[in-house]
Amino acid sequence: MDERKDRLVQSAAQLYQLGIALDRARERLRQLAERGVPYSSPEMMAAYREFSQLEQQWQEQETAHLRLRDEIVGKPQDAQ
């Protein structure tokens, strides 16, 4: 497999792993809210920071992955 395709596969795997971590962080926030933990509590703030950081990483990784994919595959042509 060519090096760029290897990077694309690695990028997809990283995106998948980040997605799993992001879902866990989202679930943790949901559980805290269901337990009635105040939004301003240190526990909730820490969970939100973790979620926000993972979400930012996911967005950056997705952008990089899509850019790499477009370089390798080429951008889809507009349907006429």
N, C-alpha and C. Protein backbone atom coordinates (compact mmCIF):
# COMPACT_ATOMS: atom_id res chain seq x y z
N MET A 1 0.85 -1.17 0.00
CA MET A 1 0.00 0.00 0.00
C MET A 1 0.90 1.23 0.00
N ASP A 2 0.48 2.24 -0.69
CA ASP A 2 1.30 3.45 -0.77
C ASP A 2 1.24 4.21 0.55
N GLU A 3 2.28 4.98 0.81
CA GLU A 3 2.45 5.66 2.10
C GLU A 3 1.28 6.57 2.43
N ARG A 4 0.75 7.28 1.43
CA ARG A 4 -0.38 8.18 1.70
C ARG A 4 -1.63 7.40 2.10
N LYS A 5 -1.84 6.25 1.49
CA LYS A 5 -3.00 5.43 1.86
C LYS A 5 -2.82 4.87 3.27
N ASP A 6 -1.59 4.51 3.62
CA ASP A 6 -1.31 4.07 4.99
C ASP A 6 -1.65 5.18 5.98
N ARG A 7 -1.26 6.40 5.67
CA ARG A 7 -1.56 7.54 6.55
C ARG A 7 -3.07 7.75 6.65
N LEU A 8 -3.78 7.55 5.54
CA LEU A 8 -5.23 7.72 5.54
C LEU A 8 -5.88 6.68 6.46
N VAL A 9 -5.42 5.45 6.38
CA VAL A 9 -5.96 4.40 7.24
C VAL A 9 -5.64 4.70 8.70
N GLN A 10 -4.43 5.12 8.98
CA GLN A 10 -4.05 5.48 10.35
C GLN A 10 -4.89 6.65 10.86
N SER A 11 -5.12 7.60 9.98
CA SER A 11 -5.94 8.76 10.34
C SER A 11 -7.36 8.32 10.67
N ALA A 12 -7.90 7.41 9.88
CA ALA A 12 -9.26 6.91 10.14
C ALA A 12 -9.31 6.17 11.48
N ALA A 13 -8.28 5.39 11.78
CA ALA A 13 -8.23 4.67 13.05
C ALA A 13 -8.17 5.64 14.22
N GLN A 14 -7.39 6.70 14.09
CA GLN A 14 -7.29 7.71 15.15
C GLN A 14 -8.64 8.41 15.33
N LEU A 15 -9.29 8.70 14.22
CA LEU A 15 -10.59 9.36 14.27
C LEU A 15 -11.60 8.46 14.98
N TYR A 16 -11.56 7.18 14.68
CA TYR A 16 -12.45 6.21 15.32
C TYR A 16 -12.20 6.18 16.83
N GLN A 17 -10.93 6.11 17.23
CA GLN A 17 -10.60 6.07 18.66
C GLN A 17 -11.03 7.35 19.38
N LEU A 18 -10.82 8.48 18.73
CA LEU A 18 -11.26 9.74 19.31
C LEU A 18 -12.78 9.76 19.44
N GLY A 19 -13.47 9.21 18.46
CA GLY A 19 -14.93 9.15 18.52
C GLY A 19 -15.42 8.35 19.71
N ILE A 20 -14.75 7.24 19.97
CA ILE A 20 -15.12 6.42 21.13
C ILE A 20 -14.88 7.20 22.43
N ALA A 21 -13.74 7.85 22.53
CA ALA A 21 -13.43 8.65 23.72
C ALA A 21 -14.43 9.79 23.88
N LEU A 22 -14.79 10.42 22.78
CA LEU A 22 -15.75 11.52 22.81
C LEU A 22 -17.11 11.04 23.28
N ASP A 23 -17.54 9.88 22.80
CA ASP A 23 -18.82 9.31 23.24
C ASP A 23 -18.80 9.02 24.74
N ARG A 24 -17.67 8.51 25.24
CA ARG A 24 -17.56 8.23 26.68
C ARG A 24 -17.65 9.52 27.49
N ALA A 25 -16.97 10.56 27.01
CA ALA A 25 -17.00 11.85 27.72
C ALA A 25 -18.41 12.45 27.69
N ARG A 26 -19.10 12.30 26.58
CA ARG A 26 -20.47 12.80 26.46
C ARG A 26 -21.38 12.03 27.43
N GLU A 27 -21.17 10.72 27.50
CA GLU A 27 -21.97 9.89 28.41
C GLU A 27 -21.71 10.29 29.86
N ARG A 28 -20.47 10.58 30.18
CA ARG A 28 -20.13 11.00 31.55
C ARG A 28 -20.86 12.30 31.89
N LEU A 29 -20.89 13.24 30.97
CA LEU A 29 -21.63 14.49 31.20
C LEU A 29 -23.11 14.21 31.42
N ARG A 30 -23.67 13.33 30.61
CA ARG A 30 -25.09 13.00 30.74
C ARG A 30 -25.37 12.39 32.11
N GLN A 31 -24.51 11.46 32.53
CA GLN A 31 -24.70 10.82 33.83
C GLN A 31 -24.61 11.82 34.97
N LEU A 32 -23.66 12.73 34.89
CA LEU A 32 -23.54 13.75 35.94
C LEU A 32 -24.79 14.62 35.99
N ALA A 33 -25.28 15.01 34.82
CA ALA A 33 -26.49 15.84 34.78
C ALA A 33 -27.69 15.08 35.33
N GLU A 34 -27.81 13.78 35.00
CA GLU A 34 -28.92 12.98 35.52
C GLU A 34 -28.85 12.82 37.03
N ARG A 35 -27.64 12.78 37.57
CA ARG A 35 -27.46 12.67 39.02
C ARG A 35 -27.73 14.01 39.72
N GLY A 36 -27.90 15.05 38.94
CA GLY A 36 -28.18 16.36 39.52
C GLY A 36 -26.94 17.12 39.97
N VAL A 37 -25.79 16.72 39.46
CA VAL A 37 -24.55 17.43 39.81
C VAL A 37 -24.64 18.84 39.23
N PRO A 38 -24.42 19.86 40.03
CA PRO A 38 -24.51 21.25 39.53
C PRO A 38 -23.51 21.50 38.40
N TYR A 39 -23.94 22.27 37.43
CA TYR A 39 -23.08 22.57 36.28
C TYR A 39 -21.81 23.31 36.69
N SER A 40 -21.88 24.05 37.78
CA SER A 40 -20.72 24.83 38.23
C SER A 40 -19.80 24.04 39.17
N SER A 41 -20.12 22.78 39.43
CA SER A 41 -19.30 21.99 40.34
C SER A 41 -17.96 21.64 39.69
N PRO A 42 -16.93 21.43 40.50
CA PRO A 42 -15.63 21.05 39.95
C PRO A 42 -15.69 19.76 39.13
N GLU A 43 -16.50 18.81 39.59
CA GLU A 43 -16.63 17.54 38.87
C GLU A 43 -17.23 17.75 37.48
N MET A 44 -18.28 18.54 37.40
CA MET A 44 -18.93 18.81 36.12
C MET A 44 -18.01 19.63 35.22
N MET A 45 -17.33 20.62 35.78
CA MET A 45 -16.44 21.46 34.99
C MET A 45 -15.29 20.62 34.41
N ALA A 46 -14.75 19.70 35.19
CA ALA A 46 -13.66 18.84 34.71
C ALA A 46 -14.16 17.93 33.59
N ALA A 47 -15.36 17.38 33.77
CA ALA A 47 -15.94 16.52 32.73
C ALA A 47 -16.20 17.32 31.45
N TYR A 48 -16.67 18.54 31.61
CA TYR A 48 -16.93 19.38 30.43
C TYR A 48 -15.64 19.76 29.71
N ARG A 49 -14.59 20.07 30.49
CA ARG A 49 -13.30 20.39 29.86
C ARG A 49 -12.77 19.21 29.06
N GLU A 50 -12.87 18.03 29.65
CA GLU A 50 -12.42 16.82 28.94
C GLU A 50 -13.22 16.63 27.65
N PHE A 51 -14.53 16.78 27.74
CA PHE A 51 -15.39 16.65 26.56
C PHE A 51 -15.00 17.68 25.50
N SER A 52 -14.83 18.92 25.91
CA SER A 52 -14.51 19.99 24.97
C SER A 52 -13.17 19.75 24.28
N GLN A 53 -12.18 19.29 25.04
CA GLN A 53 -10.87 19.01 24.46
C GLN A 53 -10.95 17.87 23.45
N LEU A 54 -11.67 16.82 23.80
CA LEU A 54 -11.82 15.70 22.88
C LEU A 54 -12.60 16.10 21.62
N GLU A 55 -13.62 16.92 21.80
CA GLU A 55 -14.40 17.38 20.66
C GLU A 55 -13.53 18.21 19.71
N GLN A 56 -12.69 19.07 20.27
CA GLN A 56 -11.78 19.88 19.45
C GLN A 56 -10.79 18.98 18.70
N GLN A 57 -10.23 18.01 19.41
CA GLN A 57 -9.30 17.07 18.77
C GLN A 57 -9.99 16.30 17.64
N TRP A 58 -11.24 15.89 17.89
CA TRP A 58 -11.97 15.13 16.89
C TRP A 58 -12.21 15.99 15.64
N GLN A 59 -12.61 17.23 15.85
CA GLN A 59 -12.86 18.13 14.72
C GLN A 59 -11.58 18.36 13.91
N GLU A 60 -10.46 18.57 14.61
CA GLU A 60 -9.19 18.78 13.91
C GLU A 60 -8.77 17.53 13.16
N GLN A 61 -8.93 16.36 13.79
CA GLN A 61 -8.56 15.10 13.15
C GLN A 61 -9.46 14.82 11.95
N GLU A 62 -10.74 15.12 12.08
CA GLU A 62 -11.67 14.90 10.96
C GLU A 62 -11.29 15.79 9.78
N THR A 63 -10.98 17.04 10.05
CA THR A 63 -10.58 17.97 8.99
C THR A 63 -9.33 17.47 8.29
N ALA A 64 -8.33 17.06 9.07
CA ALA A 64 -7.09 16.54 8.49
C ALA A 64 -7.35 15.27 7.68
N HIS A 65 -8.20 14.39 8.20
CA HIS A 65 -8.52 13.15 7.51
C HIS A 65 -9.22 13.43 6.18
N LEU A 66 -10.18 14.31 6.19
CA LEU A 66 -10.91 14.62 4.95
C LEU A 66 -10.00 15.30 3.93
N ARG A 67 -9.11 16.15 4.41
CA ARG A 67 -8.16 16.80 3.51
C ARG A 67 -7.24 15.76 2.86
N LEU A 68 -6.73 14.83 3.66
CA LEU A 68 -5.87 13.78 3.15
C LEU A 68 -6.63 12.89 2.17
N ARG A 69 -7.85 12.54 2.53
CA ARG A 69 -8.68 11.72 1.63
C ARG A 69 -8.88 12.41 0.28
N ASP A 70 -9.16 13.70 0.32
CA ASP A 70 -9.36 14.45 -0.93
C ASP A 70 -8.09 14.49 -1.76
N GLU A 71 -6.94 14.57 -1.10
CA GLU A 71 -5.66 14.55 -1.83
C GLU A 71 -5.45 13.22 -2.54
N ILE A 72 -5.81 12.14 -1.86
CA ILE A 72 -5.56 10.81 -2.40
C ILE A 72 -6.60 10.43 -3.44
N VAL A 73 -7.86 10.59 -3.10
CA VAL A 73 -8.95 10.14 -3.95
C VAL A 73 -9.32 11.21 -4.97
N GLY A 74 -9.14 12.43 -4.62
CA GLY A 74 -9.59 13.52 -5.47
C GLY A 74 -10.97 13.95 -5.02
N LYS A 75 -11.24 15.19 -5.21
CA LYS A 75 -12.54 15.71 -4.79
C LYS A 75 -13.61 15.19 -5.74
N PRO A 76 -14.76 14.81 -5.17
CA PRO A 76 -15.85 14.34 -6.04
C PRO A 76 -16.32 15.47 -6.96
N GLN A 77 -16.63 15.09 -8.16
CA GLN A 77 -17.08 16.09 -9.12
C GLN A 77 -18.54 16.39 -8.86
N ASP A 78 -18.93 17.65 -9.14
CA ASP A 78 -20.32 18.06 -8.95
C ASP A 78 -21.20 17.30 -9.92
N ALA A 79 -22.33 16.84 -9.41
CA ALA A 79 -23.30 16.15 -10.29
C ALA A 79 -23.96 17.19 -11.19
N GLN A 80 -24.16 16.81 -12.41
CA GLN A 80 -24.80 17.73 -13.36
C GLN A 80 -26.24 17.36 -13.57
